Amino acid sequence: MLITLDTNKLIKGELNAHYFIILYLIHEKEYDILIHYLRKTKMDNRILTDIDEMIEFGWLLSSRTEAYDYNKLQPSDKFVELITGGDPFEELVQYYPRFVVRPDGNTDYLLTDLDRASAIYTKIIQKNKALHEHILKCLKEEIDIKEETDNMKYMRRLPKWISERGWESYKDQVRDLESVNGNSFIGYGTAIE
């Protein structure tokens, strides 16, 4: 796996290369590579300390009890912004699945025609940060649902997902989730008494 490091971003973000690699591999869900990296660099014996420090500095969202369950570790928005440079489309690409295995067993890469996808996405969001964040929430909900139901194989390629406004299929689930968490108004007749 090739990881590109911009040392200026690391210096600006006050993040060392070791932590960057750990966070990047967790973000990309490359847990096997992470374990191999930690063993090869002989840093696997101090991963709990590293995780505590990354949580303390705001790079990682988790608790120490989940340290060896890497899929429960999540890099913070601060880290995602560092690797995307604040570009909404780049942030979307970071969250979007890279590939899926289709029902026929073939691997299909989902991040195709990024220039066209970027142009469409930029036109849709028109620098509206709230809309961008809503789209990311819907994407995360879609991924969660498809992973739970073993339907990731039906995930659309990114340009098609954007042009067909794929997030709109999940906006009700996100609204309901926010209502349950107390983040928005629960409409008349929706509360159970």
C-alpha atoms as a PDB file:
ATOM      1  CA  MET A   1       0.000   0.000   0.000  1.00  0.00           C
ATOM      2  CA  LEU A   2       1.281   3.418  -0.948  1.00  0.00           C
ATOM      3  CA  ILE A   3       0.714   6.213   1.578  1.00  0.00           C
ATOM      4  CA  THR A   4       1.630   9.764   0.617  1.00  0.00           C
ATOM      5  CA  LEU A   5       2.777  11.987   3.476  1.00  0.00           C
ATOM      6  CA  ASP A   6       2.827  15.763   3.196  1.00  0.00           C
ATOM      7  CA  THR A   7       5.329  16.737   5.872  1.00  0.00           C
ATOM      8  CA  ASN A   8       4.038  20.322   5.879  1.00  0.00           C
ATOM      9  CA  LYS A   9       0.615  19.025   6.940  1.00  0.00           C
ATOM     10  CA  LEU A  10       2.207  16.873   9.632  1.00  0.00           C
ATOM     11  CA  ILE A  11       4.174  19.824  10.993  1.00  0.00           C
ATOM     12  CA  LYS A  12       1.141  22.129  10.812  1.00  0.00           C
ATOM     13  CA  GLY A  13      -1.076  19.534  12.475  1.00  0.00           C
ATOM     14  CA  GLU A  14       1.588  18.596  15.052  1.00  0.00           C
ATOM     15  CA  LEU A  15       1.292  14.923  14.147  1.00  0.00           C
ATOM     16  CA  ASN A  16       4.196  12.513  13.820  1.00  0.00           C
ATOM     17  CA  ALA A  17       4.558  10.122  10.883  1.00  0.00           C
ATOM     18  CA  HIS A  18       4.030   7.026  13.041  1.00  0.00           C
ATOM     19  CA  TYR A  19       0.663   8.271  14.295  1.00  0.00           C
ATOM     20  CA  PHE A  20      -0.283   9.384  10.787  1.00  0.00           C
ATOM     21  CA  ILE A  21       0.312   5.877   9.432  1.00  0.00           C
ATOM     22  CA  ILE A  22      -1.712   4.281  12.232  1.00  0.00           C
ATOM     23  CA  LEU A  23      -4.598   6.730  11.790  1.00  0.00           C
ATOM     24  CA  TYR A  24      -4.532   6.434   8.006  1.00  0.00           C
ATOM     25  CA  LEU A  25      -4.639   2.629   8.091  1.00  0.00           C
ATOM     26  CA  ILE A  26      -7.503   2.685  10.600  1.00  0.00           C
ATOM     27  CA  HIS A  27      -9.343   5.229   8.443  1.00  0.00           C
ATOM     28  CA  GLU A  28      -8.893   3.041   5.361  1.00  0.00           C
ATOM     29  CA  LYS A  29      -9.898  -0.060   7.359  1.00  0.00           C
ATOM     30  CA  GLU A  30      -6.623  -1.756   6.435  1.00  0.00           C
ATOM     31  CA  TYR A  31      -6.326  -3.602   9.739  1.00  0.00           C
ATOM     32  CA  ASP A  32      -4.111  -6.430   8.452  1.00  0.00           C
ATOM     33  CA  ILE A  33      -1.606  -3.920   7.105  1.00  0.00           C
ATOM     34  CA  LEU A  34      -1.768  -2.018  10.411  1.00  0.00           C
ATOM     35  CA  ILE A  35      -0.977  -5.150  12.420  1.00  0.00           C
ATOM     36  CA  HIS A  36       1.856  -6.021  10.039  1.00  0.00           C
ATOM     37  CA  TYR A  37       3.227  -2.454  10.259  1.00  0.00           C
ATOM     38  CA  LEU A  38       3.153  -2.487  14.072  1.00  0.00           C
ATOM     39  CA  ARG A  39       4.915  -5.845  14.248  1.00  0.00           C
ATOM     40  CA  LYS A  40       7.516  -4.940  11.618  1.00  0.00           C
ATOM     41  CA  THR A  41       8.380  -1.655  13.363  1.00  0.00           C
ATOM     42  CA  LYS A  42       8.285  -3.386  16.772  1.00  0.00           C
ATOM     43  CA  MET A  43       5.702  -0.858  17.943  1.00  0.00           C
ATOM     44  CA  ASP A  44       2.940  -3.381  18.676  1.00  0.00           C
ATOM     45  CA  ASN A  45       3.942  -3.485  22.341  1.00  0.00           C
ATOM     46  CA  ARG A  46       3.156   0.215  22.819  1.00  0.00           C
ATOM     47  CA  ILE A  47      -0.057   0.512  20.805  1.00  0.00           C
ATOM     48  CA  LEU A  48      -2.150   1.159  23.942  1.00  0.00           C
ATOM     49  CA  THR A  49       0.054   4.124  24.845  1.00  0.00           C
ATOM     50  CA  ASP A  50      -0.087   5.392  21.259  1.00  0.00           C
ATOM     51  CA  ILE A  51      -3.882   5.119  21.221  1.00  0.00           C
ATOM     52  CA  ASP A  52      -4.166   6.979  24.543  1.00  0.00           C
ATOM     53  CA  GLU A  53      -1.967   9.784  23.194  1.00  0.00           C
ATOM     54  CA  MET A  54      -3.893  10.021  19.912  1.00  0.00           C
ATOM     55  CA  ILE A  55      -7.156  10.265  21.881  1.00  0.00           C
ATOM     56  CA  GLU A  56      -5.643  12.884  24.171  1.00  0.00           C
ATOM     57  CA  PHE A  57      -4.469  15.022  21.220  1.00  0.00           C
ATOM     58  CA  GLY A  58      -7.846  14.708  19.478  1.00  0.00           C
ATOM     59  CA  TRP A  59      -6.748  12.546  16.539  1.00  0.00           C
ATOM     60  CA  LEU A  60      -8.692   9.429  17.476  1.00  0.00           C
ATOM     61  CA  LEU A  61     -12.223   8.830  18.744  1.00  0.00           C
ATOM     62  CA  SER A  62     -12.327   5.760  20.961  1.00  0.00           C
ATOM     63  CA  SER A  63     -11.595   4.449  24.395  1.00  0.00           C
ATOM     64  CA  ARG A  64      -8.669   2.378  25.557  1.00  0.00           C
ATOM     65  CA  THR A  65     -10.851  -0.665  26.211  1.00  0.00           C
ATOM     66  CA  GLU A  66     -11.419  -0.985  22.444  1.00  0.00           C
ATOM     67  CA  ALA A  67      -7.734  -0.804  21.594  1.00  0.00           C
ATOM     68  CA  TYR A  68      -7.333  -4.221  20.057  1.00  0.00           C
ATOM     69  CA  ASP A  69     -10.674  -4.111  18.263  1.00  0.00           C
ATOM     70  CA  TYR A  70      -9.322  -1.919  15.470  1.00  0.00           C
ATOM     71  CA  ASN A  71     -12.611  -1.681  13.584  1.00  0.00           C
ATOM     72  CA  LYS A  72     -14.080   0.218  16.567  1.00  0.00           C
ATOM     73  CA  LEU A  73     -11.339   2.826  16.401  1.00  0.00           C
ATOM     74  CA  GLN A  74     -12.221   5.920  14.396  1.00  0.00           C
ATOM     75  CA  PRO A  75     -10.003   8.840  13.385  1.00  0.00           C
ATOM     76  CA  SER A  76     -11.442  12.214  14.343  1.00  0.00           C
ATOM     77  CA  ASP A  77     -12.782  14.805  11.923  1.00  0.00           C
ATOM     78  CA  LYS A  78      -9.591  16.726  12.671  1.00  0.00           C
ATOM     79  CA  PHE A  79      -7.574  13.910  11.040  1.00  0.00           C
ATOM     80  CA  VAL A  80      -9.950  13.565   8.080  1.00  0.00           C
ATOM     81  CA  GLU A  81      -9.676  17.304   7.449  1.00  0.00           C
ATOM     82  CA  LEU A  82      -5.884  17.032   7.619  1.00  0.00           C
ATOM     83  CA  ILE A  83      -5.764  14.355   4.915  1.00  0.00           C
ATOM     84  CA  THR A  84      -8.432  15.924   2.704  1.00  0.00           C
ATOM     85  CA  GLY A  85      -7.198  19.494   2.996  1.00  0.00           C
ATOM     86  CA  GLY A  86     -10.700  20.718   3.785  1.00  0.00           C
ATOM     87  CA  ASP A  87     -12.009  19.947   0.269  1.00  0.00           C
ATOM     88  CA  PRO A  88     -15.549  18.549   0.635  1.00  0.00           C
ATOM     89  CA  PHE A  89     -15.217  16.230  -2.355  1.00  0.00           C
ATOM     90  CA  GLU A  90     -11.926  14.813  -1.064  1.00  0.00           C
ATOM     91  CA  GLU A  91     -13.587  14.206   2.292  1.00  0.00           C
ATOM     92  CA  LEU A  92     -16.430  12.367   0.544  1.00  0.00           C
ATOM     93  CA  VAL A  93     -13.887  10.236  -1.332  1.00  0.00           C
ATOM     94  CA  GLN A  94     -12.163   9.376   1.963  1.00  0.00           C
ATOM     95  CA  TYR A  95     -15.409   7.970   3.355  1.00  0.00           C
ATOM     96  CA  TYR A  96     -16.656   6.276   0.201  1.00  0.00           C
ATOM     97  CA  PRO A  97     -15.794   2.553  -0.146  1.00  0.00           C
ATOM     98  CA  ARG A  98     -12.885   1.902  -2.520  1.00  0.00           C
ATOM     99  CA  PHE A  99     -14.168  -1.386  -3.919  1.00  0.00           C
ATOM    100  CA  VAL A 100     -16.773  -4.094  -3.440  1.00  0.00           C
ATOM    101  CA  VAL A 101     -17.026  -7.728  -4.444  1.00  0.00           C
ATOM    102  CA  ARG A 102     -20.071  -8.129  -6.680  1.00  0.00           C
ATOM    103  CA  PRO A 103     -22.402 -11.178  -6.435  1.00  0.00           C
ATOM    104  CA  ASP A 104     -20.553 -12.845  -9.340  1.00  0.00           C
ATOM    105  CA  GLY A 105     -17.305 -12.698  -7.334  1.00  0.00           C
ATOM    106  CA  ASN A 106     -15.659  -9.924  -9.361  1.00  0.00           C
ATOM    107  CA  THR A 107     -14.074  -6.949  -7.655  1.00  0.00           C
ATOM    108  CA  ASP A 108     -15.560  -3.640  -8.756  1.00  0.00           C
ATOM    109  CA  TYR A 109     -13.694  -0.420  -7.995  1.00  0.00           C
ATOM    110  CA  LEU A 110     -16.092   2.338  -6.999  1.00  0.00           C
ATOM    111  CA  LEU A 111     -13.882   5.419  -7.191  1.00  0.00           C
ATOM    112  CA  THR A 112     -13.944   5.908 -10.957  1.00  0.00           C
ATOM    113  CA  ASP A 113     -14.110   9.092 -13.054  1.00  0.00           C
ATOM    114  CA  LEU A 114     -13.288  11.318 -10.087  1.00  0.00           C
ATOM    115  CA  ASP A 115     -13.007  14.498 -12.181  1.00  0.00           C
ATOM    116  CA  ARG A 116     -16.604  14.203 -13.387  1.00  0.00           C
ATOM    117  CA  ALA A 117     -17.791  13.164  -9.927  1.00  0.00           C
ATOM    118  CA  SER A 118     -16.029  16.165  -8.369  1.00  0.00           C
ATOM    119  CA  ALA A 119     -17.632  18.575 -10.838  1.00  0.00           C
ATOM    120  CA  ILE A 120     -21.111  17.158 -10.176  1.00  0.00           C
ATOM    121  CA  TYR A 121     -20.615  17.174  -6.401  1.00  0.00           C
ATOM    122  CA  THR A 122     -19.285  20.730  -6.356  1.00  0.00           C
ATOM    123  CA  LYS A 123     -22.299  21.860  -8.401  1.00  0.00           C
ATOM    124  CA  ILE A 124     -24.703  20.109  -6.018  1.00  0.00           C
ATOM    125  CA  ILE A 125     -23.328  21.356  -2.706  1.00  0.00           C
ATOM    126  CA  GLN A 126     -22.333  24.856  -3.905  1.00  0.00           C
ATOM    127  CA  LYS A 127     -20.043  25.392  -0.882  1.00  0.00           C
ATOM    128  CA  ASN A 128     -22.904  24.526   1.481  1.00  0.00           C
ATOM    129  CA  LYS A 129     -21.082  22.920   4.433  1.00  0.00           C
ATOM    130  CA  ALA A 130     -24.332  21.803   6.099  1.00  0.00           C
ATOM    131  CA  LEU A 131     -25.456  19.965   2.961  1.00  0.00           C
ATOM    132  CA  HIS A 132     -22.032  18.330   2.645  1.00  0.00           C
ATOM    133  CA  GLU A 133     -22.170  17.143   6.267  1.00  0.00           C
ATOM    134  CA  HIS A 134     -25.714  15.836   5.715  1.00  0.00           C
ATOM    135  CA  ILE A 135     -24.533  13.876   2.661  1.00  0.00           C
ATOM    136  CA  LEU A 136     -21.669  12.370   4.694  1.00  0.00           C
ATOM    137  CA  LYS A 137     -24.093  11.308   7.449  1.00  0.00           C
ATOM    138  CA  CYS A 138     -26.348   9.681   4.853  1.00  0.00           C
ATOM    139  CA  LEU A 139     -23.358   7.914   3.267  1.00  0.00           C
ATOM    140  CA  LYS A 140     -22.216   6.582   6.649  1.00  0.00           C
ATOM    141  CA  GLU A 141     -25.756   5.356   7.364  1.00  0.00           C
ATOM    142  CA  GLU A 142     -25.959   3.664   3.955  1.00  0.00           C
ATOM    143  CA  ILE A 143     -22.618   1.932   4.535  1.00  0.00           C
ATOM    144  CA  ASP A 144     -23.675   0.805   8.031  1.00  0.00           C
ATOM    145  CA  ILE A 145     -26.974  -0.600   6.752  1.00  0.00           C
ATOM    146  CA  LYS A 146     -25.371  -2.326   3.780  1.00  0.00           C
ATOM    147  CA  GLU A 147     -22.650  -3.851   5.982  1.00  0.00           C
ATOM    148  CA  GLU A 148     -25.242  -5.122   8.481  1.00  0.00           C
ATOM    149  CA  THR A 149     -27.397  -6.654   5.745  1.00  0.00           C
ATOM    150  CA  ASP A 150     -24.485  -7.938   3.646  1.00  0.00           C
ATOM    151  CA  ASN A 151     -25.494  -5.727   0.713  1.00  0.00           C
ATOM    152  CA  MET A 152     -22.226  -3.836   0.152  1.00  0.00           C
ATOM    153  CA  LYS A 153     -21.971  -5.763  -3.117  1.00  0.00           C
ATOM    154  CA  TYR A 154     -24.725  -3.495  -4.476  1.00  0.00           C
ATOM    155  CA  MET A 155     -22.967  -0.197  -3.696  1.00  0.00           C
ATOM    156  CA  ARG A 156     -22.917   2.097  -6.716  1.00  0.00           C
ATOM    157  CA  ARG A 157     -19.821   3.684  -8.214  1.00  0.00           C
ATOM    158  CA  LEU A 158     -19.202   7.158  -6.834  1.00  0.00           C
ATOM    159  CA  PRO A 159     -20.114   9.199  -9.965  1.00  0.00           C
ATOM    160  CA  LYS A 160     -23.442   7.381 -10.276  1.00  0.00           C
ATOM    161  CA  TRP A 161     -24.132   7.679  -6.539  1.00  0.00           C
ATOM    162  CA  ILE A 162     -23.584  11.442  -6.739  1.00  0.00           C
ATOM    163  CA  SER A 163     -25.470  12.064  -9.983  1.00  0.00           C
ATOM    164  CA  GLU A 164     -28.439   9.975  -8.794  1.00  0.00           C
ATOM    165  CA  ARG A 165     -28.285  11.629  -5.357  1.00  0.00           C
ATOM    166  CA  GLY A 166     -27.895   8.287  -3.607  1.00  0.00           C
ATOM    167  CA  TRP A 167     -27.833   9.912  -0.178  1.00  0.00           C
ATOM    168  CA  GLU A 168     -31.493  10.913  -0.504  1.00  0.00           C
ATOM    169  CA  SER A 169     -32.518   7.275  -0.016  1.00  0.00           C
ATOM    170  CA  TYR A 170     -31.071   7.424   3.515  1.00  0.00           C
ATOM    171  CA  LYS A 171     -32.088  10.914   4.649  1.00  0.00           C
ATOM    172  CA  ASP A 172     -35.095   9.570   6.578  1.00  0.00           C
ATOM    173  CA  GLN A 173     -32.934   7.079   8.470  1.00  0.00           C
ATOM    174  CA  VAL A 174     -30.484   9.859   9.360  1.00  0.00           C
ATOM    175  CA  ARG A 175     -33.327  12.139  10.488  1.00  0.00           C
ATOM    176  CA  ASP A 176     -34.785   9.332  12.615  1.00  0.00           C
ATOM    177  CA  LEU A 177     -31.373   8.554  14.084  1.00  0.00           C
ATOM    178  CA  GLU A 178     -30.861  12.221  14.960  1.00  0.00           C
ATOM    179  CA  SER A 179     -34.337  12.335  16.524  1.00  0.00           C
ATOM    180  CA  VAL A 180     -33.545   9.359  18.738  1.00  0.00           C
ATOM    181  CA  ASN A 181     -30.260  10.943  19.771  1.00  0.00           C
ATOM    182  CA  GLY A 182     -32.021  14.210  20.588  1.00  0.00           C
ATOM    183  CA  ASN A 183     -30.302  16.227  17.877  1.00  0.00           C
ATOM    184  CA  SER A 184     -33.457  17.442  16.140  1.00  0.00           C
ATOM    185  CA  PHE A 185     -37.141  18.082  16.599  1.00  0.00           C
ATOM    186  CA  ILE A 186     -39.412  15.042  16.696  1.00  0.00           C
ATOM    187  CA  GLY A 187     -42.505  15.892  14.669  1.00  0.00           C
ATOM    188  CA  TYR A 188     -46.112  15.749  15.885  1.00  0.00           C
ATOM    189  CA  GLY A 189     -47.400  12.207  16.238  1.00  0.00           C
ATOM    190  CA  THR A 190     -43.973  10.547  16.143  1.00  0.00           C
ATOM    191  CA  ALA A 191     -43.348  10.369  19.884  1.00  0.00           C
ATOM    192  CA  ILE A 192     -44.434   7.266  21.817  1.00  0.00           C
ATOM    193  CA  GLU A 193     -46.202   8.058  25.077  1.00  0.00           C
END
